[in-house]
Amino acid sequence: MPPLSPITFIAFLGGVVPNLLWLAFWLFEDSIHPEPKKYLLLTFVLGMLAVWPVLKTEEFIVGYTAGSMMLLCWAFTEEIGKFVAGLLGGILWPVFDEPLDAVIYMVTAALGFSAMENFLFLSGSLQQGALHGIISGDLRFIGATLLHTLSSATIGVSLAYAYYKTVGTRRLFALLGVILATALHTLFNFFILGQGGDATFGIFFCIWLGIIAILLAVENIKAQERNLPTTI
């Protein structure tokens, strides 16, 4: 087995470690009833593995679409990839036993997906020099990583609010969550690619506002859960 190159090692650390720190923050939100570590690990790994079929699908999309339609299809493909990872990692298992779990598993899948994306991106950037790679890594951490977290958390919040509803309603909320996540993702791609650096600050500011809104929704979900009547 060939030795791990320094660039690969640094890219792995730069892509994965910041996401694990970000994940630790989200897991703190579920500290009262934490999820089993093996399911969180499974979800994170599935999120990482989802990058390859998503990339292959996006390569296929390039041959048949262009412009805004291509960006929309790319965003939808990535959101579905992360959604499937969240479903297979925890949401479809018995460990999904309270509303907030939907947010936790979707965020975990998103951070796994973003970690692999960052690793691949940094691997290429570091070939152009350490400084370039570090700057690129910082931009991806505050940009793409937050976007993936926001969009997937949006799906998780939708599932959380539908937790006690009928199967049909839960499916409807899941669909609405995917649609909203895709819309957010498409808008990000459109403005980043269309406006370039001129729109970067405004876009990141809007993403942070979205993250704050998600955190407020999480607190609301936890408050509703605390106020539910208990049975003996």
C-alpha atoms as a PDB file:
ATOM      1  CA  MET A   1       0.000   0.000   0.000  1.00  0.00           C
ATOM      2  CA  PRO A   2       1.550   3.352  -1.045  1.00  0.00           C
ATOM      3  CA  PRO A   3       2.227   5.856   1.778  1.00  0.00           C
ATOM      4  CA  LEU A   4      -0.266   8.671   2.317  1.00  0.00           C
ATOM      5  CA  SER A   5       1.032  11.842   0.676  1.00  0.00           C
ATOM      6  CA  PRO A   6       1.291  15.026   2.785  1.00  0.00           C
ATOM      7  CA  ILE A   7      -1.158  16.816   0.494  1.00  0.00           C
ATOM      8  CA  THR A   8      -3.742  14.048   0.862  1.00  0.00           C
ATOM      9  CA  PHE A   9      -3.305  14.025   4.636  1.00  0.00           C
ATOM     10  CA  ILE A  10      -3.632  17.816   4.946  1.00  0.00           C
ATOM     11  CA  ALA A  11      -6.628  17.867   2.603  1.00  0.00           C
ATOM     12  CA  PHE A  12      -8.299  15.140   4.655  1.00  0.00           C
ATOM     13  CA  LEU A  13      -7.732  17.021   7.902  1.00  0.00           C
ATOM     14  CA  GLY A  14      -8.862  20.297   6.356  1.00  0.00           C
ATOM     15  CA  GLY A  15     -11.964  18.736   4.857  1.00  0.00           C
ATOM     16  CA  VAL A  16     -13.084  16.531   7.749  1.00  0.00           C
ATOM     17  CA  VAL A  17     -11.926  18.071  11.049  1.00  0.00           C
ATOM     18  CA  PRO A  18     -13.776  21.439  10.714  1.00  0.00           C
ATOM     19  CA  ASN A  19     -16.955  19.549   9.831  1.00  0.00           C
ATOM     20  CA  LEU A  20     -16.595  17.298  12.875  1.00  0.00           C
ATOM     21  CA  LEU A  21     -16.280  20.407  15.063  1.00  0.00           C
ATOM     22  CA  TRP A  22     -19.372  21.882  13.417  1.00  0.00           C
ATOM     23  CA  LEU A  23     -21.169  18.560  13.944  1.00  0.00           C
ATOM     24  CA  ALA A  24     -20.248  18.594  17.646  1.00  0.00           C
ATOM     25  CA  PHE A  25     -22.056  21.924  17.946  1.00  0.00           C
ATOM     26  CA  TRP A  26     -25.222  20.462  16.440  1.00  0.00           C
ATOM     27  CA  LEU A  27     -25.031  17.327  18.571  1.00  0.00           C
ATOM     28  CA  PHE A  28     -24.971  19.575  21.638  1.00  0.00           C
ATOM     29  CA  GLU A  29     -28.484  20.652  20.634  1.00  0.00           C
ATOM     30  CA  ASP A  30     -29.551  17.038  21.215  1.00  0.00           C
ATOM     31  CA  SER A  31     -27.498  16.455  24.368  1.00  0.00           C
ATOM     32  CA  ILE A  32     -30.493  15.381  26.503  1.00  0.00           C
ATOM     33  CA  HIS A  33     -31.380  12.412  24.278  1.00  0.00           C
ATOM     34  CA  PRO A  34     -28.250  11.881  22.148  1.00  0.00           C
ATOM     35  CA  GLU A  35     -28.288   9.580  19.140  1.00  0.00           C
ATOM     36  CA  PRO A  36     -26.253   6.335  19.123  1.00  0.00           C
ATOM     37  CA  LYS A  37     -22.739   7.066  17.882  1.00  0.00           C
ATOM     38  CA  LYS A  38     -22.759   4.160  15.426  1.00  0.00           C
ATOM     39  CA  TYR A  39     -25.767   5.594  13.589  1.00  0.00           C
ATOM     40  CA  LEU A  40     -24.238   9.053  13.529  1.00  0.00           C
ATOM     41  CA  LEU A  41     -21.030   7.565  12.128  1.00  0.00           C
ATOM     42  CA  LEU A  42     -22.999   5.590   9.558  1.00  0.00           C
ATOM     43  CA  THR A  43     -24.877   8.709   8.490  1.00  0.00           C
ATOM     44  CA  PHE A  44     -21.675  10.763   8.226  1.00  0.00           C
ATOM     45  CA  VAL A  45     -19.958   8.093   6.134  1.00  0.00           C
ATOM     46  CA  LEU A  46     -23.004   7.657   3.895  1.00  0.00           C
ATOM     47  CA  GLY A  47     -22.995  11.419   3.371  1.00  0.00           C
ATOM     48  CA  MET A  48     -19.352  11.219   2.293  1.00  0.00           C
ATOM     49  CA  LEU A  49     -20.016   8.286  -0.042  1.00  0.00           C
ATOM     50  CA  ALA A  50     -22.990  10.079  -1.601  1.00  0.00           C
ATOM     51  CA  VAL A  51     -20.594  12.537  -3.244  1.00  0.00           C
ATOM     52  CA  TRP A  52     -19.553  10.038  -5.953  1.00  0.00           C
ATOM     53  CA  PRO A  53     -22.991   9.141  -7.372  1.00  0.00           C
ATOM     54  CA  VAL A  54     -23.935  12.815  -7.100  1.00  0.00           C
ATOM     55  CA  LEU A  55     -20.836  13.879  -9.073  1.00  0.00           C
ATOM     56  CA  LYS A  56     -21.523  11.237 -11.727  1.00  0.00           C
ATOM     57  CA  THR A  57     -25.114  12.427 -12.015  1.00  0.00           C
ATOM     58  CA  GLU A  58     -24.007  16.042 -12.289  1.00  0.00           C
ATOM     59  CA  GLU A  59     -21.585  15.110 -15.060  1.00  0.00           C
ATOM     60  CA  PHE A  60     -24.511  13.506 -16.892  1.00  0.00           C
ATOM     61  CA  ILE A  61     -26.666  16.598 -16.325  1.00  0.00           C
ATOM     62  CA  VAL A  62     -24.035  18.850 -17.914  1.00  0.00           C
ATOM     63  CA  GLY A  63     -24.565  17.093 -21.228  1.00  0.00           C
ATOM     64  CA  TYR A  64     -28.300  17.812 -21.313  1.00  0.00           C
ATOM     65  CA  THR A  65     -28.866  21.125 -19.531  1.00  0.00           C
ATOM     66  CA  ALA A  66     -27.266  24.537 -19.195  1.00  0.00           C
ATOM     67  CA  GLY A  67     -27.609  27.780 -17.300  1.00  0.00           C
ATOM     68  CA  SER A  68     -30.203  28.059 -14.550  1.00  0.00           C
ATOM     69  CA  MET A  69     -31.732  24.671 -15.344  1.00  0.00           C
ATOM     70  CA  MET A  70     -28.357  23.010 -14.851  1.00  0.00           C
ATOM     71  CA  LEU A  71     -27.897  24.755 -11.492  1.00  0.00           C
ATOM     72  CA  LEU A  72     -31.367  23.668 -10.421  1.00  0.00           C
ATOM     73  CA  CYS A  73     -30.700  20.042 -11.384  1.00  0.00           C
ATOM     74  CA  TRP A  74     -27.330  20.086  -9.629  1.00  0.00           C
ATOM     75  CA  ALA A  75     -28.904  21.438  -6.450  1.00  0.00           C
ATOM     76  CA  PHE A  76     -31.720  18.871  -6.558  1.00  0.00           C
ATOM     77  CA  THR A  77     -29.250  16.032  -7.100  1.00  0.00           C
ATOM     78  CA  GLU A  78     -27.130  17.058  -4.122  1.00  0.00           C
ATOM     79  CA  GLU A  79     -30.136  17.513  -1.839  1.00  0.00           C
ATOM     80  CA  ILE A  80     -31.504  14.094  -2.788  1.00  0.00           C
ATOM     81  CA  GLY A  81     -28.085  12.522  -2.206  1.00  0.00           C
ATOM     82  CA  LYS A  82     -27.868  13.975   1.298  1.00  0.00           C
ATOM     83  CA  PHE A  83     -31.521  13.136   2.002  1.00  0.00           C
ATOM     84  CA  VAL A  84     -30.985   9.493   1.093  1.00  0.00           C
ATOM     85  CA  ALA A  85     -27.891   9.387   3.317  1.00  0.00           C
ATOM     86  CA  GLY A  86     -29.905  10.789   6.212  1.00  0.00           C
ATOM     87  CA  LEU A  87     -32.709   8.301   5.621  1.00  0.00           C
ATOM     88  CA  LEU A  88     -30.454   5.255   5.384  1.00  0.00           C
ATOM     89  CA  GLY A  89     -28.202   6.403   8.208  1.00  0.00           C
ATOM     90  CA  GLY A  90     -30.811   6.959  10.890  1.00  0.00           C
ATOM     91  CA  ILE A  91     -34.236   8.288   9.943  1.00  0.00           C
ATOM     92  CA  LEU A  92     -35.527   4.933   8.653  1.00  0.00           C
ATOM     93  CA  TRP A  93     -34.238   3.119  11.748  1.00  0.00           C
ATOM     94  CA  PRO A  94     -35.992   2.727  15.138  1.00  0.00           C
ATOM     95  CA  VAL A  95     -33.483   5.183  16.632  1.00  0.00           C
ATOM     96  CA  PHE A  96     -35.511   7.945  14.977  1.00  0.00           C
ATOM     97  CA  ASP A  97     -37.750   8.293  18.031  1.00  0.00           C
ATOM     98  CA  GLU A  98     -38.209  12.037  18.500  1.00  0.00           C
ATOM     99  CA  PRO A  99     -38.723  15.029  16.154  1.00  0.00           C
ATOM    100  CA  LEU A 100     -35.300  16.614  16.691  1.00  0.00           C
ATOM    101  CA  ASP A 101     -33.586  13.438  15.459  1.00  0.00           C
ATOM    102  CA  ALA A 102     -34.587  14.360  11.895  1.00  0.00           C
ATOM    103  CA  VAL A 103     -32.534  17.549  12.085  1.00  0.00           C
ATOM    104  CA  ILE A 104     -29.570  15.773  13.669  1.00  0.00           C
ATOM    105  CA  TYR A 105     -29.386  13.037  11.033  1.00  0.00           C
ATOM    106  CA  MET A 106     -29.894  15.413   8.115  1.00  0.00           C
ATOM    107  CA  VAL A 107     -27.182  17.777   9.398  1.00  0.00           C
ATOM    108  CA  THR A 108     -24.839  14.818   9.980  1.00  0.00           C
ATOM    109  CA  ALA A 109     -25.389  13.603   6.408  1.00  0.00           C
ATOM    110  CA  ALA A 110     -24.811  17.125   5.082  1.00  0.00           C
ATOM    111  CA  LEU A 111     -21.559  17.535   6.990  1.00  0.00           C
ATOM    112  CA  GLY A 112     -20.315  14.163   5.773  1.00  0.00           C
ATOM    113  CA  PHE A 113     -21.156  15.166   2.202  1.00  0.00           C
ATOM    114  CA  SER A 114     -19.464  18.536   2.634  1.00  0.00           C
ATOM    115  CA  ALA A 115     -16.400  16.943   4.246  1.00  0.00           C
ATOM    116  CA  MET A 116     -15.789  14.787   1.193  1.00  0.00           C
ATOM    117  CA  GLU A 117     -16.429  17.712  -1.151  1.00  0.00           C
ATOM    118  CA  ASN A 118     -13.954  19.818   0.820  1.00  0.00           C
ATOM    119  CA  PHE A 119     -11.381  17.027   0.771  1.00  0.00           C
ATOM    120  CA  LEU A 120     -11.598  16.690  -3.006  1.00  0.00           C
ATOM    121  CA  PHE A 121     -11.512  20.463  -3.452  1.00  0.00           C
ATOM    122  CA  LEU A 122      -8.540  20.970  -1.141  1.00  0.00           C
ATOM    123  CA  SER A 123      -6.644  18.103  -2.752  1.00  0.00           C
ATOM    124  CA  GLY A 124      -6.700  20.029  -6.008  1.00  0.00           C
ATOM    125  CA  SER A 125      -6.154  23.465  -4.454  1.00  0.00           C
ATOM    126  CA  LEU A 126      -3.126  22.387  -2.424  1.00  0.00           C
ATOM    127  CA  GLN A 127      -1.415  21.328  -5.635  1.00  0.00           C
ATOM    128  CA  GLN A 128      -1.320  25.064  -6.442  1.00  0.00           C
ATOM    129  CA  GLY A 129       0.333  26.007  -3.151  1.00  0.00           C
ATOM    130  CA  ALA A 130      -0.362  25.902   0.576  1.00  0.00           C
ATOM    131  CA  LEU A 131      -1.655  29.492   0.854  1.00  0.00           C
ATOM    132  CA  HIS A 132      -4.099  29.011  -1.995  1.00  0.00           C
ATOM    133  CA  GLY A 133      -5.368  25.820  -0.391  1.00  0.00           C
ATOM    134  CA  ILE A 134      -5.834  27.431   3.027  1.00  0.00           C
ATOM    135  CA  ILE A 135      -7.746  30.375   1.586  1.00  0.00           C
ATOM    136  CA  SER A 136      -9.930  28.049  -0.475  1.00  0.00           C
ATOM    137  CA  GLY A 137     -10.575  25.903   2.564  1.00  0.00           C
ATOM    138  CA  ASP A 138     -11.692  28.899   4.619  1.00  0.00           C
ATOM    139  CA  LEU A 139     -14.074  29.995   1.885  1.00  0.00           C
ATOM    140  CA  ARG A 140     -15.581  26.534   1.583  1.00  0.00           C
ATOM    141  CA  PHE A 141     -15.974  26.231   5.343  1.00  0.00           C
ATOM    142  CA  ILE A 142     -17.981  29.439   5.644  1.00  0.00           C
ATOM    143  CA  GLY A 143     -19.730  29.007   2.309  1.00  0.00           C
ATOM    144  CA  ALA A 144     -20.482  25.585   0.891  1.00  0.00           C
ATOM    145  CA  THR A 145     -20.343  23.824   4.261  1.00  0.00           C
ATOM    146  CA  LEU A 146     -22.861  26.223   5.787  1.00  0.00           C
ATOM    147  CA  LEU A 147     -25.039  25.978   2.698  1.00  0.00           C
ATOM    148  CA  HIS A 148     -25.153  22.174   2.875  1.00  0.00           C
ATOM    149  CA  THR A 149     -25.945  22.396   6.582  1.00  0.00           C
ATOM    150  CA  LEU A 150     -28.692  24.961   6.049  1.00  0.00           C
ATOM    151  CA  SER A 151     -30.381  23.176   3.156  1.00  0.00           C
ATOM    152  CA  SER A 152     -30.329  19.726   4.774  1.00  0.00           C
ATOM    153  CA  ALA A 153     -31.393  21.138   8.148  1.00  0.00           C
ATOM    154  CA  THR A 154     -34.369  22.664   6.336  1.00  0.00           C
ATOM    155  CA  ILE A 155     -35.456  19.174   5.312  1.00  0.00           C
ATOM    156  CA  GLY A 156     -34.833  17.959   8.863  1.00  0.00           C
ATOM    157  CA  VAL A 157     -36.988  20.712  10.352  1.00  0.00           C
ATOM    158  CA  SER A 158     -39.790  19.864   7.908  1.00  0.00           C
ATOM    159  CA  LEU A 159     -39.637  16.213   8.977  1.00  0.00           C
ATOM    160  CA  ALA A 160     -39.514  17.226  12.647  1.00  0.00           C
ATOM    161  CA  TYR A 161     -42.668  19.325  12.441  1.00  0.00           C
ATOM    162  CA  ALA A 162     -44.473  16.428  10.740  1.00  0.00           C
ATOM    163  CA  TYR A 163     -43.232  13.776  13.184  1.00  0.00           C
ATOM    164  CA  TYR A 164     -46.584  13.232  14.920  1.00  0.00           C
ATOM    165  CA  LYS A 165     -48.687  13.561  11.776  1.00  0.00           C
ATOM    166  CA  THR A 166     -50.009  10.926   9.377  1.00  0.00           C
ATOM    167  CA  VAL A 167     -47.752   9.101   6.927  1.00  0.00           C
ATOM    168  CA  GLY A 168     -49.189  11.063   4.014  1.00  0.00           C
ATOM    169  CA  THR A 169     -48.556  14.369   5.766  1.00  0.00           C
ATOM    170  CA  ARG A 170     -44.994  13.355   6.667  1.00  0.00           C
ATOM    171  CA  ARG A 171     -44.310  12.550   3.023  1.00  0.00           C
ATOM    172  CA  LEU A 172     -45.757  15.894   1.963  1.00  0.00           C
ATOM    173  CA  PHE A 173     -43.590  17.745   4.468  1.00  0.00           C
ATOM    174  CA  ALA A 174     -40.546  15.796   3.271  1.00  0.00           C
ATOM    175  CA  LEU A 175     -41.301  16.824  -0.319  1.00  0.00           C
ATOM    176  CA  LEU A 176     -41.770  20.456   0.684  1.00  0.00           C
ATOM    177  CA  GLY A 177     -38.499  20.329   2.610  1.00  0.00           C
ATOM    178  CA  VAL A 178     -36.620  18.992  -0.411  1.00  0.00           C
ATOM    179  CA  ILE A 179     -38.186  21.662  -2.646  1.00  0.00           C
ATOM    180  CA  LEU A 180     -37.232  24.467  -0.256  1.00  0.00           C
ATOM    181  CA  ALA A 181     -33.713  23.064   0.225  1.00  0.00           C
ATOM    182  CA  THR A 182     -33.261  22.823  -3.540  1.00  0.00           C
ATOM    183  CA  ALA A 183     -34.460  26.403  -3.979  1.00  0.00           C
ATOM    184  CA  LEU A 184     -31.989  27.687  -1.371  1.00  0.00           C
ATOM    185  CA  HIS A 185     -29.162  25.683  -2.933  1.00  0.00           C
ATOM    186  CA  THR A 186     -30.012  26.882  -6.445  1.00  0.00           C
ATOM    187  CA  LEU A 187     -30.090  30.525  -5.382  1.00  0.00           C
ATOM    188  CA  PHE A 188     -26.687  30.154  -3.724  1.00  0.00           C
ATOM    189  CA  ASN A 189     -25.176  28.597  -6.853  1.00  0.00           C
ATOM    190  CA  PHE A 190     -26.796  31.181  -9.117  1.00  0.00           C
ATOM    191  CA  PHE A 191     -25.505  34.207  -7.210  1.00  0.00           C
ATOM    192  CA  ILE A 192     -22.046  32.768  -6.503  1.00  0.00           C
ATOM    193  CA  LEU A 193     -21.465  31.767 -10.132  1.00  0.00           C
ATOM    194  CA  GLY A 194     -23.317  34.727 -11.625  1.00  0.00           C
ATOM    195  CA  GLN A 195     -22.121  37.560  -9.378  1.00  0.00           C
ATOM    196  CA  GLY A 196     -18.754  36.187  -8.247  1.00  0.00           C
ATOM    197  CA  GLY A 197     -16.893  37.894  -5.436  1.00  0.00           C
ATOM    198  CA  ASP A 198     -19.120  41.001  -5.508  1.00  0.00           C
ATOM    199  CA  ALA A 199     -21.992  39.068  -3.918  1.00  0.00           C
ATOM    200  CA  THR A 200     -19.989  36.878  -1.541  1.00  0.00           C
ATOM    201  CA  PHE A 201     -20.538  38.897   1.636  1.00  0.00           C
ATOM    202  CA  GLY A 202     -24.265  39.316   1.055  1.00  0.00           C
ATOM    203  CA  ILE A 203     -24.735  35.625   0.286  1.00  0.00           C
ATOM    204  CA  PHE A 204     -22.812  34.465   3.353  1.00  0.00           C
ATOM    205  CA  PHE A 205     -24.784  36.929   5.495  1.00  0.00           C
ATOM    206  CA  CYS A 206     -28.047  35.462   4.208  1.00  0.00           C
ATOM    207  CA  ILE A 207     -26.806  31.919   4.882  1.00  0.00           C
ATOM    208  CA  TRP A 208     -25.967  32.852   8.468  1.00  0.00           C
ATOM    209  CA  LEU A 209     -29.437  34.349   8.872  1.00  0.00           C
ATOM    210  CA  GLY A 210     -30.822  31.040   7.606  1.00  0.00           C
ATOM    211  CA  ILE A 211     -28.698  29.100  10.115  1.00  0.00           C
ATOM    212  CA  ILE A 212     -30.011  31.328  12.923  1.00  0.00           C
ATOM    213  CA  ALA A 213     -33.572  30.683  11.735  1.00  0.00           C
ATOM    214  CA  ILE A 214     -32.918  26.925  11.799  1.00  0.00           C
ATOM    215  CA  LEU A 215     -31.492  27.143  15.339  1.00  0.00           C
ATOM    216  CA  LEU A 216     -34.604  29.050  16.449  1.00  0.00           C
ATOM    217  CA  ALA A 217     -36.754  26.341  14.844  1.00  0.00           C
ATOM    218  CA  VAL A 218     -34.749  23.699  16.718  1.00  0.00           C
ATOM    219  CA  GLU A 219     -35.421  25.481  20.006  1.00  0.00           C
ATOM    220  CA  ASN A 220     -39.118  25.629  19.121  1.00  0.00           C
ATOM    221  CA  ILE A 221     -39.145  21.892  18.354  1.00  0.00           C
ATOM    222  CA  LYS A 222     -37.503  21.132  21.699  1.00  0.00           C
ATOM    223  CA  ALA A 223     -39.967  23.402  23.517  1.00  0.00           C
ATOM    224  CA  GLN A 224     -42.931  21.653  21.900  1.00  0.00           C
ATOM    225  CA  GLU A 225     -41.487  18.269  22.866  1.00  0.00           C
ATOM    226  CA  ARG A 226     -41.082  19.352  26.495  1.00  0.00           C
ATOM    227  CA  ASN A 227     -44.705  20.522  26.606  1.00  0.00           C
ATOM    228  CA  LEU A 228     -46.148  17.248  25.323  1.00  0.00           C
ATOM    229  CA  PRO A 229     -48.292  15.411  27.893  1.00  0.00           C
ATOM    230  CA  THR A 230     -46.596  12.332  29.338  1.00  0.00           C
ATOM    231  CA  THR A 231     -48.266   8.962  29.681  1.00  0.00           C
ATOM    232  CA  ILE A 232     -47.782   6.432  32.475  1.00  0.00           C
END
